[in-house]
mmCIF file of all heavy atoms, coordinates in Angstrom:
data_MODEL
# 
_entry.id   MODEL 
# 
loop_
_atom_site.group_PDB 
_atom_site.id 
_atom_site.type_symbol 
_atom_site.label_atom_id 
_atom_site.label_alt_id 
_atom_site.label_comp_id 
_atom_site.label_asym_id 
_atom_site.label_entity_id 
_atom_site.label_seq_id 
_atom_site.pdbx_PDB_ins_code 
_atom_site.Cartn_x 
_atom_site.Cartn_y 
_atom_site.Cartn_z 
_atom_site.occupancy 
_atom_site.B_iso_or_equiv 
_atom_site.pdbx_formal_charge 
_atom_site.auth_seq_id 
_atom_site.auth_comp_id 
_atom_site.auth_asym_id 
_atom_site.auth_atom_id 
_atom_site.pdbx_PDB_model_num 
ATOM 1   N N   . VAL A 1 1  ? 29.509 9.905   26.088 1.00 0.00 ? 1  VAL A N   1 
ATOM 2   C CA  . VAL A 1 1  ? 30.349 8.748   26.429 1.00 0.00 ? 1  VAL A CA  1 
ATOM 3   C C   . VAL A 1 1  ? 29.692 7.455   25.962 1.00 0.00 ? 1  VAL A C   1 
ATOM 4   O O   . VAL A 1 1  ? 30.340 6.591   25.359 1.00 0.00 ? 1  VAL A O   1 
ATOM 5   C CB  . VAL A 1 1  ? 30.640 8.700   27.944 1.00 0.00 ? 1  VAL A CB  1 
ATOM 6   C CG1 . VAL A 1 1  ? 31.259 7.373   28.348 1.00 0.00 ? 1  VAL A CG1 1 
ATOM 7   C CG2 . VAL A 1 1  ? 31.547 9.857   28.344 1.00 0.00 ? 1  VAL A CG2 1 
ATOM 8   N N   . LEU A 1 2  ? 28.395 7.312   26.214 1.00 0.00 ? 2  LEU A N   1 
ATOM 9   C CA  . LEU A 1 2  ? 27.709 6.082   25.840 1.00 0.00 ? 2  LEU A CA  1 
ATOM 10  C C   . LEU A 1 2  ? 27.559 5.935   24.327 1.00 0.00 ? 2  LEU A C   1 
ATOM 11  O O   . LEU A 1 2  ? 27.527 4.815   23.804 1.00 0.00 ? 2  LEU A O   1 
ATOM 12  C CB  . LEU A 1 2  ? 26.356 6.001   26.540 1.00 0.00 ? 2  LEU A CB  1 
ATOM 13  C CG  . LEU A 1 2  ? 26.479 5.810   28.057 1.00 0.00 ? 2  LEU A CG  1 
ATOM 14  C CD1 . LEU A 1 2  ? 25.146 6.058   28.736 1.00 0.00 ? 2  LEU A CD1 1 
ATOM 15  C CD2 . LEU A 1 2  ? 27.021 4.444   28.385 1.00 0.00 ? 2  LEU A CD2 1 
ATOM 16  N N   . ALA A 1 3  ? 27.514 7.039   23.604 1.00 0.00 ? 3  ALA A N   1 
ATOM 17  C CA  . ALA A 1 3  ? 27.484 6.966   22.142 1.00 0.00 ? 3  ALA A CA  1 
ATOM 18  C C   . ALA A 1 3  ? 28.830 6.467   21.603 1.00 0.00 ? 3  ALA A C   1 
ATOM 19  O O   . ALA A 1 3  ? 28.881 5.675   20.665 1.00 0.00 ? 3  ALA A O   1 
ATOM 20  C CB  . ALA A 1 3  ? 27.147 8.333   21.551 1.00 0.00 ? 3  ALA A CB  1 
ATOM 21  N N   . ARG A 1 4  ? 29.894 6.913   22.230 1.00 0.00 ? 4  ARG A N   1 
ATOM 22  C CA  . ARG A 1 4  ? 31.234 6.499   21.801 1.00 0.00 ? 4  ARG A CA  1 
ATOM 23  C C   . ARG A 1 4  ? 31.589 5.089   22.284 1.00 0.00 ? 4  ARG A C   1 
ATOM 24  O O   . ARG A 1 4  ? 32.365 4.386   21.641 1.00 0.00 ? 4  ARG A O   1 
ATOM 25  C CB  . ARG A 1 4  ? 32.289 7.467   22.335 1.00 0.00 ? 4  ARG A CB  1 
ATOM 26  C CG  . ARG A 1 4  ? 32.272 8.798   21.671 1.00 0.00 ? 4  ARG A CG  1 
ATOM 27  C CD  . ARG A 1 4  ? 33.395 9.657   22.190 1.00 0.00 ? 4  ARG A CD  1 
ATOM 28  N NE  . ARG A 1 4  ? 33.315 10.987  21.645 1.00 0.00 ? 4  ARG A NE  1 
ATOM 29  C CZ  . ARG A 1 4  ? 34.276 11.886  21.793 1.00 0.00 ? 4  ARG A CZ  1 
ATOM 30  N NH1 . ARG A 1 4  ? 35.368 11.582  22.469 1.00 0.00 ? 4  ARG A NH1 1 
ATOM 31  N NH2 . ARG A 1 4  ? 34.141 13.083  21.275 1.00 0.00 ? 4  ARG A NH2 1 
ATOM 32  N N   . HIS A 1 5  ? 31.061 4.740   23.455 1.00 0.00 ? 5  HIS A N   1 
ATOM 33  C CA  . HIS A 1 5  ? 31.406 3.456   24.083 1.00 0.00 ? 5  HIS A CA  1 
ATOM 34  C C   . HIS A 1 5  ? 30.133 2.747   24.532 1.00 0.00 ? 5  HIS A C   1 
ATOM 35  O O   . HIS A 1 5  ? 29.781 2.765   25.712 1.00 0.00 ? 5  HIS A O   1 
ATOM 36  C CB  . HIS A 1 5  ? 32.331 3.689   25.282 1.00 0.00 ? 5  HIS A CB  1 
ATOM 37  C CG  . HIS A 1 5  ? 33.540 4.501   24.956 1.00 0.00 ? 5  HIS A CG  1 
ATOM 38  N ND1 . HIS A 1 5  ? 34.635 3.975   24.307 1.00 0.00 ? 5  HIS A ND1 1 
ATOM 39  C CD2 . HIS A 1 5  ? 33.809 5.811   25.157 1.00 0.00 ? 5  HIS A CD2 1 
ATOM 40  C CE1 . HIS A 1 5  ? 35.535 4.922   24.139 1.00 0.00 ? 5  HIS A CE1 1 
ATOM 41  N NE2 . HIS A 1 5  ? 35.055 6.041   24.636 1.00 0.00 ? 5  HIS A NE2 1 
ATOM 42  N N   . PRO A 1 6  ? 29.431 2.111   23.594 1.00 0.00 ? 6  PRO A N   1 
ATOM 43  C CA  . PRO A 1 6  ? 28.179 1.423   23.964 1.00 0.00 ? 6  PRO A CA  1 
ATOM 44  C C   . PRO A 1 6  ? 28.436 0.324   24.993 1.00 0.00 ? 6  PRO A C   1 
ATOM 45  O O   . PRO A 1 6  ? 29.501 -0.282  25.032 1.00 0.00 ? 6  PRO A O   1 
ATOM 46  C CB  . PRO A 1 6  ? 27.684 0.830   22.648 1.00 0.00 ? 6  PRO A CB  1 
ATOM 47  C CG  . PRO A 1 6  ? 28.598 1.293   21.588 1.00 0.00 ? 6  PRO A CG  1 
ATOM 48  C CD  . PRO A 1 6  ? 29.769 1.977   22.205 1.00 0.00 ? 6  PRO A CD  1 
ATOM 49  N N   . ARG A 1 7  ? 27.445 0.065   25.794 1.00 0.00 ? 7  ARG A N   1 
ATOM 50  C CA  . ARG A 1 7  ? 27.589 -0.879  26.899 1.00 0.00 ? 7  ARG A CA  1 
ATOM 51  C C   . ARG A 1 7  ? 27.636 -2.332  26.431 1.00 0.00 ? 7  ARG A C   1 
ATOM 52  O O   . ARG A 1 7  ? 28.277 -3.163  27.045 1.00 0.00 ? 7  ARG A O   1 
ATOM 53  C CB  . ARG A 1 7  ? 26.472 -0.643  27.905 1.00 0.00 ? 7  ARG A CB  1 
ATOM 54  C CG  . ARG A 1 7  ? 26.626 0.776   28.504 1.00 0.00 ? 7  ARG A CG  1 
ATOM 55  C CD  . ARG A 1 7  ? 25.561 1.128   29.480 1.00 0.00 ? 7  ARG A CD  1 
ATOM 56  N NE  . ARG A 1 7  ? 25.402 0.185   30.547 1.00 0.00 ? 7  ARG A NE  1 
ATOM 57  C CZ  . ARG A 1 7  ? 26.230 0.026   31.576 1.00 0.00 ? 7  ARG A CZ  1 
ATOM 58  N NH1 . ARG A 1 7  ? 27.303 0.767   31.674 1.00 0.00 ? 7  ARG A NH1 1 
ATOM 59  N NH2 . ARG A 1 7  ? 25.979 -0.877  32.502 1.00 0.00 ? 7  ARG A NH2 1 
ATOM 60  N N   . LEU A 1 8  ? 26.965 -2.669  25.349 1.00 0.00 ? 8  LEU A N   1 
ATOM 61  C CA  . LEU A 1 8  ? 27.077 -3.978  24.699 1.00 0.00 ? 8  LEU A CA  1 
ATOM 62  C C   . LEU A 1 8  ? 26.962 -5.161  25.665 1.00 0.00 ? 8  LEU A C   1 
ATOM 63  O O   . LEU A 1 8  ? 27.754 -6.106  25.617 1.00 0.00 ? 8  LEU A O   1 
ATOM 64  C CB  . LEU A 1 8  ? 28.398 -4.066  23.913 1.00 0.00 ? 8  LEU A CB  1 
ATOM 65  C CG  . LEU A 1 8  ? 28.619 -2.993  22.846 1.00 0.00 ? 8  LEU A CG  1 
ATOM 66  C CD1 . LEU A 1 8  ? 30.002 -3.115  22.239 1.00 0.00 ? 8  LEU A CD1 1 
ATOM 67  C CD2 . LEU A 1 8  ? 27.531 -3.059  21.785 1.00 0.00 ? 8  LEU A CD2 1 
ATOM 68  N N   . GLY A 1 9  ? 25.989 -5.099  26.556 1.00 0.00 ? 9  GLY A N   1 
ATOM 69  C CA  . GLY A 1 9  ? 25.753 -6.229  27.461 1.00 0.00 ? 9  GLY A CA  1 
ATOM 70  C C   . GLY A 1 9  ? 26.695 -6.303  28.649 1.00 0.00 ? 9  GLY A C   1 
ATOM 71  O O   . GLY A 1 9  ? 26.824 -7.359  29.278 1.00 0.00 ? 9  GLY A O   1 
ATOM 72  N N   . LEU A 1 10 ? 27.329 -5.184  28.975 1.00 0.00 ? 10 LEU A N   1 
ATOM 73  C CA  . LEU A 1 10 ? 28.276 -5.170  30.094 1.00 0.00 ? 10 LEU A CA  1 
ATOM 74  C C   . LEU A 1 10 ? 27.654 -5.686  31.384 1.00 0.00 ? 10 LEU A C   1 
ATOM 75  O O   . LEU A 1 10 ? 28.253 -6.498  32.090 1.00 0.00 ? 10 LEU A O   1 
ATOM 76  C CB  . LEU A 1 10 ? 28.833 -3.760  30.319 1.00 0.00 ? 10 LEU A CB  1 
ATOM 77  C CG  . LEU A 1 10 ? 29.697 -3.582  31.572 1.00 0.00 ? 10 LEU A CG  1 
ATOM 78  C CD1 . LEU A 1 10 ? 30.968 -4.396  31.459 1.00 0.00 ? 10 LEU A CD1 1 
ATOM 79  C CD2 . LEU A 1 10 ? 30.006 -2.120  31.796 1.00 0.00 ? 10 LEU A CD2 1 
ATOM 80  N N   . GLY A 1 11 ? 26.457 -5.228  31.699 1.00 0.00 ? 11 GLY A N   1 
ATOM 81  C CA  . GLY A 1 11 ? 25.817 -5.633  32.947 1.00 0.00 ? 11 GLY A CA  1 
ATOM 82  C C   . GLY A 1 11 ? 25.607 -7.139  33.025 1.00 0.00 ? 11 GLY A C   1 
ATOM 83  O O   . GLY A 1 11 ? 25.920 -7.764  34.043 1.00 0.00 ? 11 GLY A O   1 
ATOM 84  N N   . GLU A 1 12 ? 25.106 -7.720  31.952 1.00 0.00 ? 12 GLU A N   1 
ATOM 85  C CA  . GLU A 1 12 ? 24.863 -9.154  31.929 1.00 0.00 ? 12 GLU A CA  1 
ATOM 86  C C   . GLU A 1 12 ? 26.165 -9.936  32.056 1.00 0.00 ? 12 GLU A C   1 
ATOM 87  O O   . GLU A 1 12 ? 26.245 -10.943 32.761 1.00 0.00 ? 12 GLU A O   1 
ATOM 88  C CB  . GLU A 1 12 ? 24.134 -9.568  30.641 1.00 0.00 ? 12 GLU A CB  1 
ATOM 89  C CG  . GLU A 1 12 ? 22.738 -9.012  30.529 1.00 0.00 ? 12 GLU A CG  1 
ATOM 90  C CD  . GLU A 1 12 ? 22.692 -7.600  29.936 1.00 0.00 ? 12 GLU A CD  1 
ATOM 91  O OE1 . GLU A 1 12 ? 23.756 -7.054  29.551 1.00 0.00 ? 12 GLU A OE1 1 
ATOM 92  O OE2 . GLU A 1 12 ? 21.591 -7.037  29.874 1.00 0.00 ? 12 GLU A OE2 1 
ATOM 93  N N   . GLU A 1 13 ? 27.197 -9.466  31.367 1.00 0.00 ? 13 GLU A N   1 
ATOM 94  C CA  . GLU A 1 13 ? 28.495 -10.139 31.427 1.00 0.00 ? 13 GLU A CA  1 
ATOM 95  C C   . GLU A 1 13 ? 29.078 -10.054 32.838 1.00 0.00 ? 13 GLU A C   1 
ATOM 96  O O   . GLU A 1 13 ? 29.605 -11.031 33.370 1.00 0.00 ? 13 GLU A O   1 
ATOM 97  C CB  . GLU A 1 13 ? 29.449 -9.504  30.418 1.00 0.00 ? 13 GLU A CB  1 
ATOM 98  C CG  . GLU A 1 13 ? 30.778 -10.194 30.323 1.00 0.00 ? 13 GLU A CG  1 
ATOM 99  C CD  . GLU A 1 13 ? 31.687 -9.608  29.251 1.00 0.00 ? 13 GLU A CD  1 
ATOM 100 O OE1 . GLU A 1 13 ? 31.203 -8.884  28.369 1.00 0.00 ? 13 GLU A OE1 1 
ATOM 101 O OE2 . GLU A 1 13 ? 32.898 -9.883  29.315 1.00 0.00 ? 13 GLU A OE2 1 
ATOM 102 N N   . PHE A 1 14 ? 28.995 -8.881  33.438 1.00 0.00 ? 14 PHE A N   1 
ATOM 103 C CA  . PHE A 1 14 ? 29.515 -8.691  34.789 1.00 0.00 ? 14 PHE A CA  1 
ATOM 104 C C   . PHE A 1 14 ? 28.746 -9.567  35.779 1.00 0.00 ? 14 PHE A C   1 
ATOM 105 O O   . PHE A 1 14 ? 29.352 -10.218 36.639 1.00 0.00 ? 14 PHE A O   1 
ATOM 106 C CB  . PHE A 1 14 ? 29.404 -7.208  35.175 1.00 0.00 ? 14 PHE A CB  1 
ATOM 107 C CG  . PHE A 1 14 ? 30.170 -6.866  36.413 1.00 0.00 ? 14 PHE A CG  1 
ATOM 108 C CD1 . PHE A 1 14 ? 31.497 -6.490  36.342 1.00 0.00 ? 14 PHE A CD1 1 
ATOM 109 C CD2 . PHE A 1 14 ? 29.559 -6.906  37.654 1.00 0.00 ? 14 PHE A CD2 1 
ATOM 110 C CE1 . PHE A 1 14 ? 32.208 -6.170  37.495 1.00 0.00 ? 14 PHE A CE1 1 
ATOM 111 C CE2 . PHE A 1 14 ? 30.262 -6.584  38.804 1.00 0.00 ? 14 PHE A CE2 1 
ATOM 112 C CZ  . PHE A 1 14 ? 31.592 -6.216  38.724 1.00 0.00 ? 14 PHE A CZ  1 
ATOM 113 N N   . LEU A 1 15 ? 27.427 -9.606  35.643 1.00 0.00 ? 15 LEU A N   1 
ATOM 114 C CA  . LEU A 1 15 ? 26.610 -10.416 36.541 1.00 0.00 ? 15 LEU A CA  1 
ATOM 115 C C   . LEU A 1 15 ? 26.953 -11.896 36.403 1.00 0.00 ? 15 LEU A C   1 
ATOM 116 O O   . LEU A 1 15 ? 27.025 -12.613 37.404 1.00 0.00 ? 15 LEU A O   1 
ATOM 117 C CB  . LEU A 1 15 ? 25.126 -10.177 36.285 1.00 0.00 ? 15 LEU A CB  1 
ATOM 118 C CG  . LEU A 1 15 ? 24.170 -10.927 37.209 1.00 0.00 ? 15 LEU A CG  1 
ATOM 119 C CD1 . LEU A 1 15 ? 24.444 -10.610 38.677 1.00 0.00 ? 15 LEU A CD1 1 
ATOM 120 C CD2 . LEU A 1 15 ? 22.738 -10.581 36.833 1.00 0.00 ? 15 LEU A CD2 1 
ATOM 121 N N   . ALA A 1 16 ? 27.190 -12.354 35.198 1.00 0.00 ? 16 ALA A N   1 
ATOM 122 C CA  . ALA A 1 16 ? 27.571 -13.756 34.999 1.00 0.00 ? 16 ALA A CA  1 
ATOM 123 C C   . ALA A 1 16 ? 28.872 -14.065 35.735 1.00 0.00 ? 16 ALA A C   1 
ATOM 124 O O   . ALA A 1 16 ? 29.007 -15.126 36.358 1.00 0.00 ? 16 ALA A O   1 
ATOM 125 C CB  . ALA A 1 16 ? 27.704 -14.064 33.513 1.00 0.00 ? 16 ALA A CB  1 
ATOM 126 N N   . CYS A 1 17 ? 29.819 -13.141 35.687 1.00 0.00 ? 17 CYS A N   1 
ATOM 127 C CA  . CYS A 1 17 ? 31.084 -13.325 36.414 1.00 0.00 ? 17 CYS A CA  1 
ATOM 128 C C   . CYS A 1 17 ? 30.853 -13.350 37.916 1.00 0.00 ? 17 CYS A C   1 
ATOM 129 O O   . CYS A 1 17 ? 31.440 -14.167 38.633 1.00 0.00 ? 17 CYS A O   1 
ATOM 130 C CB  . CYS A 1 17 ? 32.071 -12.212 36.052 1.00 0.00 ? 17 CYS A CB  1 
ATOM 131 S SG  . CYS A 1 17 ? 32.665 -12.279 34.358 1.00 0.00 ? 17 CYS A SG  1 
ATOM 132 N N   . PHE A 1 18 ? 30.001 -12.447 38.412 1.00 0.00 ? 18 PHE A N   1 
ATOM 133 C CA  . PHE A 1 18 ? 29.688 -12.418 39.846 1.00 0.00 ? 18 PHE A CA  1 
ATOM 134 C C   . PHE A 1 18 ? 29.037 -13.727 40.276 1.00 0.00 ? 18 PHE A C   1 
ATOM 135 O O   . PHE A 1 18 ? 29.383 -14.294 41.304 1.00 0.00 ? 18 PHE A O   1 
ATOM 136 C CB  . PHE A 1 18 ? 28.765 -11.243 40.159 1.00 0.00 ? 18 PHE A CB  1 
ATOM 137 C CG  . PHE A 1 18 ? 29.442 -10.122 40.893 1.00 0.00 ? 18 PHE A CG  1 
ATOM 138 C CD1 . PHE A 1 18 ? 30.671 -9.637  40.461 1.00 0.00 ? 18 PHE A CD1 1 
ATOM 139 C CD2 . PHE A 1 18 ? 28.872 -9.537  41.997 1.00 0.00 ? 18 PHE A CD2 1 
ATOM 140 C CE1 . PHE A 1 18 ? 31.292 -8.606  41.116 1.00 0.00 ? 18 PHE A CE1 1 
ATOM 141 C CE2 . PHE A 1 18 ? 29.487 -8.493  42.673 1.00 0.00 ? 18 PHE A CE2 1 
ATOM 142 C CZ  . PHE A 1 18 ? 30.704 -8.030  42.232 1.00 0.00 ? 18 PHE A CZ  1 
ATOM 143 N N   . ARG A 1 19 ? 28.084 -14.203 39.482 1.00 0.00 ? 19 ARG A N   1 
ATOM 144 C CA  . ARG A 1 19 ? 27.391 -15.452 39.822 1.00 0.00 ? 19 ARG A CA  1 
ATOM 145 C C   . ARG A 1 19 ? 28.353 -16.628 39.812 1.00 0.00 ? 19 ARG A C   1 
ATOM 146 O O   . ARG A 1 19 ? 28.280 -17.502 40.674 1.00 0.00 ? 19 ARG A O   1 
ATOM 147 C CB  . ARG A 1 19 ? 26.226 -15.684 38.872 1.00 0.00 ? 19 ARG A CB  1 
ATOM 148 C CG  . ARG A 1 19 ? 25.057 -14.774 39.165 1.00 0.00 ? 19 ARG A CG  1 
ATOM 149 C CD  . ARG A 1 19 ? 23.913 -15.000 38.205 1.00 0.00 ? 19 ARG A CD  1 
ATOM 150 N NE  . ARG A 1 19 ? 22.717 -14.303 38.635 1.00 0.00 ? 19 ARG A NE  1 
ATOM 151 C CZ  . ARG A 1 19 ? 21.791 -13.861 37.816 1.00 0.00 ? 19 ARG A CZ  1 
ATOM 152 N NH1 . ARG A 1 19 ? 21.903 -14.055 36.503 1.00 0.00 ? 19 ARG A NH1 1 
ATOM 153 N NH2 . ARG A 1 19 ? 20.732 -13.233 38.294 1.00 0.00 ? 19 ARG A NH2 1 
ATOM 154 N N   . ASP A 1 20 ? 29.250 -16.647 38.843 1.00 0.00 ? 20 ASP A N   1 
ATOM 155 C CA  . ASP A 1 20 ? 30.243 -17.717 38.770 1.00 0.00 ? 20 ASP A CA  1 
ATOM 156 C C   . ASP A 1 20 ? 31.129 -17.709 40.015 1.00 0.00 ? 20 ASP A C   1 
ATOM 157 O O   . ASP A 1 20 ? 31.356 -18.749 40.635 1.00 0.00 ? 20 ASP A O   1 
ATOM 158 C CB  . ASP A 1 20 ? 31.091 -17.562 37.507 1.00 0.00 ? 20 ASP A CB  1 
ATOM 159 C CG  . ASP A 1 20 ? 32.188 -18.599 37.427 1.00 0.00 ? 20 ASP A CG  1 
ATOM 160 O OD1 . ASP A 1 20 ? 31.863 -19.812 37.341 1.00 0.00 ? 20 ASP A OD1 1 
ATOM 161 O OD2 . ASP A 1 20 ? 33.375 -18.218 37.462 1.00 0.00 ? 20 ASP A OD2 1 
ATOM 162 N N   . GLN A 1 21 ? 31.615 -16.536 40.381 1.00 0.00 ? 21 GLN A N   1 
ATOM 163 C CA  . GLN A 1 21 ? 32.476 -16.453 41.568 1.00 0.00 ? 21 GLN A CA  1 
ATOM 164 C C   . GLN A 1 21 ? 31.686 -16.793 42.821 1.00 0.00 ? 21 GLN A C   1 
ATOM 165 O O   . GLN A 1 21 ? 32.194 -17.466 43.712 1.00 0.00 ? 21 GLN A O   1 
ATOM 166 C CB  . GLN A 1 21 ? 33.101 -15.068 41.701 1.00 0.00 ? 21 GLN A CB  1 
ATOM 167 C CG  . GLN A 1 21 ? 34.051 -14.996 42.882 1.00 0.00 ? 21 GLN A CG  1 
ATOM 168 C CD  . GLN A 1 21 ? 34.821 -13.699 42.955 1.00 0.00 ? 21 GLN A CD  1 
ATOM 169 O OE1 . GLN A 1 21 ? 34.787 -12.887 42.045 1.00 0.00 ? 21 GLN A OE1 1 
ATOM 170 N NE2 . GLN A 1 21 ? 35.527 -13.500 44.043 1.00 0.00 ? 21 GLN A NE2 1 
ATOM 171 N N   . ALA A 1 22 ? 30.454 -16.346 42.904 1.00 0.00 ? 22 ALA A N   1 
ATOM 172 C CA  . ALA A 1 22 ? 29.622 -16.631 44.074 1.00 0.00 ? 22 ALA A CA  1 
ATOM 173 C C   . ALA A 1 22 ? 29.414 -18.131 44.253 1.00 0.00 ? 22 ALA A C   1 
ATOM 174 O O   . ALA A 1 22 ? 29.416 -18.643 45.376 1.00 0.00 ? 22 ALA A O   1 
ATOM 175 C CB  . ALA A 1 22 ? 28.279 -15.923 43.953 1.00 0.00 ? 22 ALA A CB  1 
ATOM 176 N N   . GLU A 1 23 ? 29.252 -18.823 43.131 1.00 0.00 ? 23 GLU A N   1 
ATOM 177 C CA  . GLU A 1 23 ? 29.058 -20.271 43.190 1.00 0.00 ? 23 GLU A CA  1 
ATOM 178 C C   . GLU A 1 23 ? 30.328 -20.978 43.664 1.00 0.00 ? 23 GLU A C   1 
ATOM 179 O O   . GLU A 1 23 ? 30.269 -21.901 44.467 1.00 0.00 ? 23 GLU A O   1 
ATOM 180 C CB  . GLU A 1 23 ? 28.662 -20.777 41.803 1.00 0.00 ? 23 GLU A CB  1 
ATOM 181 C CG  . GLU A 1 23 ? 28.122 -22.186 41.818 1.00 0.00 ? 23 GLU A CG  1 
ATOM 182 C CD  . GLU A 1 23 ? 27.551 -22.569 40.476 1.00 0.00 ? 23 GLU A CD  1 
ATOM 183 O OE1 . GLU A 1 23 ? 26.672 -21.834 39.974 1.00 0.00 ? 23 GLU A OE1 1 
ATOM 184 O OE2 . GLU A 1 23 ? 28.005 -23.590 39.925 1.00 0.00 ? 23 GLU A OE2 1 
ATOM 185 N N   . ARG A 1 24 ? 31.467 -20.518 43.178 1.00 0.00 ? 24 ARG A N   1 
ATOM 186 C CA  . ARG A 1 24 ? 32.740 -21.130 43.551 1.00 0.00 ? 24 ARG A CA  1 
ATOM 187 C C   . ARG A 1 24 ? 33.201 -20.721 44.939 1.00 0.00 ? 24 ARG A C   1 
ATOM 188 O O   . ARG A 1 24 ? 33.893 -21.482 45.615 1.00 0.00 ? 24 ARG A O   1 
ATOM 189 C CB  . ARG A 1 24 ? 33.830 -20.760 42.537 1.00 0.00 ? 24 ARG A CB  1 
ATOM 190 C CG  . ARG A 1 24 ? 33.656 -21.399 41.176 1.00 0.00 ? 24 ARG A CG  1 
ATOM 191 C CD  . ARG A 1 24 ? 34.766 -21.047 40.196 1.00 0.00 ? 24 ARG A CD  1 
ATOM 192 N NE  . ARG A 1 24 ? 34.718 -19.634 39.786 1.00 0.00 ? 24 ARG A NE  1 
ATOM 193 C CZ  . ARG A 1 24 ? 35.567 -18.689 40.161 1.00 0.00 ? 24 ARG A CZ  1 
ATOM 194 N NH1 . ARG A 1 24 ? 36.579 -18.975 40.949 1.00 0.00 ? 24 ARG A NH1 1 
ATOM 195 N NH2 . ARG A 1 24 ? 35.432 -17.441 39.743 1.00 0.00 ? 24 ARG A NH2 1 
ATOM 196 N N   . LYS A 1 25 ? 32.835 -19.503 45.363 1.00 0.00 ? 25 LYS A N   1 
ATOM 197 C CA  . LYS A 1 25 ? 33.308 -18.950 46.637 1.00 0.00 ? 25 LYS A CA  1 
ATOM 198 C C   . LYS A 1 25 ? 32.130 -18.350 47.399 1.00 0.00 ? 25 LYS A C   1 
ATOM 199 O O   . LYS A 1 25 ? 31.907 -17.145 47.382 1.00 0.00 ? 25 LYS A O   1 
ATOM 200 C CB  . LYS A 1 25 ? 34.360 -17.864 46.388 1.00 0.00 ? 25 LYS A CB  1 
ATOM 201 C CG  . LYS A 1 25 ? 35.573 -18.341 45.625 1.00 0.00 ? 25 LYS A CG  1 
ATOM 202 C CD  . LYS A 1 25 ? 36.499 -17.181 45.341 1.00 0.00 ? 25 LYS A CD  1 
ATOM 203 C CE  . LYS A 1 25 ? 37.693 -17.617 44.528 1.00 0.00 ? 25 LYS A CE  1 
ATOM 204 N NZ  . LYS A 1 25 ? 38.588 -16.487 44.251 1.00 0.00 ? 25 LYS A NZ  1 
ATOM 205 N N   . PRO A 1 26 ? 31.346 -19.180 48.080 1.00 0.00 ? 26 PRO A N   1 
ATOM 206 C CA  . PRO A 1 26 ? 30.124 -18.700 48.728 1.00 0.00 ? 26 PRO A CA  1 
ATOM 207 C C   . PRO A 1 26 ? 30.344 -17.683 49.849 1.00 0.00 ? 26 PRO A C   1 
ATOM 208 O O   . PRO A 1 26 ? 29.406 -16.997 50.243 1.00 0.00 ? 26 PRO A O   1 
ATOM 209 C CB  . PRO A 1 26 ? 29.477 -19.970 49.254 1.00 0.00 ? 26 PRO A CB  1 
ATOM 210 C CG  . PRO A 1 26 ? 30.489 -21.035 49.149 1.00 0.00 ? 26 PRO A CG  1 
ATOM 211 C CD  . PRO A 1 26 ? 31.527 -20.610 48.182 1.00 0.00 ? 26 PRO A CD  1 
ATOM 212 N N   . ASP A 1 27 ? 31.574 -17.538 50.328 1.00 0.00 ? 27 ASP A N   1 
ATOM 213 C CA  . ASP A 1 27 ? 31.850 -16.553 51.381 1.00 0.00 ? 27 ASP A CA  1 
ATOM 214 C C   . ASP A 1 27 ? 32.470 -15.271 50.836 1.00 0.00 ? 27 ASP A C   1 
ATOM 215 O O   . ASP A 1 27 ? 32.883 -14.398 51.600 1.00 0.00 ? 27 ASP A O   1 
ATOM 216 C CB  . ASP A 1 27 ? 32.774 -17.160 52.441 1.00 0.00 ? 27 ASP A CB  1 
ATOM 217 C CG  . ASP A 1 27 ? 32.113 -18.302 53.192 1.00 0.00 ? 27 ASP A CG  1 
ATOM 218 O OD1 . ASP A 1 27 ? 30.881 -18.243 53.396 1.00 0.00 ? 27 ASP A OD1 1 
ATOM 219 O OD2 . ASP A 1 27 ? 32.826 -19.258 53.556 1.00 0.00 ? 27 ASP A OD2 1 
ATOM 220 N N   . SER A 1 28 ? 32.514 -15.118 49.521 1.00 0.00 ? 28 SER A N   1 
ATOM 221 C CA  . SER A 1 28 ? 33.158 -13.960 48.908 1.00 0.00 ? 28 SER A CA  1 
ATOM 222 C C   . SER A 1 28 ? 32.245 -12.732 48.884 1.00 0.00 ? 28 SER A C   1 
ATOM 223 O O   . SER A 1 28 ? 31.035 -12.824 49.101 1.00 0.00 ? 28 SER A O   1 
ATOM 224 C CB  . SER A 1 28 ? 33.563 -14.298 47.467 1.00 0.00 ? 28 SER A CB  1 
ATOM 225 O OG  . SER A 1 28 ? 32.410 -14.505 46.676 1.00 0.00 ? 28 SER A OG  1 
# 
């Protein structure tokens, strides 16, 4: 699966989204 669909920074991108939402919505 990972050979066919490389992660390509998925974790970093997801974390950036989480941090952005956390900053905007501290109770989320």
